[in-house]
Amino acid sequence: MSDLRAALGVIDRPHPPRRGESDIASYKEWYHFNVLDTVSGTDLIVNLSVAGDVTRAGGGDADLIVLCHRRGEGWHGGIDRFDAAAVGFDARSLRFESGPARIAFENGEYRLQVERTDTPAHIDLRFAPRTDPLLLWNDTPLGGGRLNWLIVPHLDASGAIDIGRERIVLDDACAYHDHNWGHWRWGDDFGWEWGFCADERHAAASTRTTLVFDRTSDRQGDVSLEHTLAVWRGATLAKVFTRHALRCRREGRFEGDVRREPGATCLVAPGAVVTVPRGFAVSSRDGADWLDLDYRIDAALQVSVPREYGFGLVGLNETFGEIVVRGEVGGERIAFAARACFEFLG
């Protein structure tokens, strides 16, 4: 394991605000995990977040999002909310406890434990990092606020998930983790497109290709604030395509059912979700290096977040699907198809 991966317990620590900070009301932070298990047909999203003044009771909120999609069954899970003052932080190392969920970094691995009354009722997973992390601590503009980001793009997930009476056992399933923190307000003038995939099916771990795409923009998507496609070969970051080397486009409209969470969203804002694309294409060109990505969505869910400006909701579209990747980086040909996860805001 590289020194960077071994140090994740410190690098990936929480960044809670100090009592009395002038912009504490707009503080936000979350830990996010995805699992793509092609063996059981299980796709998982777990997100633990805090927002607002976490230094006093009633000053902020903590959300636990657990969303699980099963092939042939559809979606399970939902959103649980708590008072952020009850969240357990350690600003010196990774320890984050929120309601029935706990994240820690132990013996070179992430440990995620969740106990809920709803299904999935039990999650106990270990995530072993297989790539070096990427830290973007640059206060990326996000509307009138700013965002920082740490990525661990490829981990092996092992453990168990209980859905109803069934226990799903994972053995080195493909996983992803990121950690975001900063200050911004939902409903401000920003949007984003984000996604990841790994050549899990055909490549040895030492030469496996892992990709993370990221674009932050204004709400309409006309102006790019940050735009990257990062490429790992094995454990090492091999290439980052940026800005003018990239083109992306959403294609069509997803015609499948789009569940909305929390469930009461349908009462507040009735109507169908029309902001999920059918597909998403990315092209990157930088000298002799090039990549083309073609992503096709087969499952989608919208998480609704109350606006902090005006009235209404912000729709965060979570999707899973299949991606086809082809190209060449550093003189090595890349060609694979894989399961992928993309998120669309705006």
Foldseek 3Di string as FASTA:
>chain_A
DDPQLQCCQQVVFDDQDDPPDPQQQQKKKKKWKWFCFPVQQKIWIWMWMKGARLCDWPGIKIKIWIWMQHVPPGIFTAMDMDTSVPWDHDRRGDWTDDVQWIWGQPPSWIWIWGAPPGPLGTDTKIWHQFARKDWAPPQQDFQPWGKTKIWRQWTFIFDWTRGPNDIDTGGGTTMIMMMMIIGDFFPGFKKKKKKKWKQPPDDDLQFIKIKIWIWMATQVRPGTRWTWIWIDGRHYTQDIFTDPQKDKDFAAWDPDAAAEPPNCVCVVPNDGDTPHGQWMWMWGDDPQWIKIKIWGFDGKYWYWDFGPPDGDTWTKIKTKTKMWMWTDGPNRTDTHIGIMIMIITD
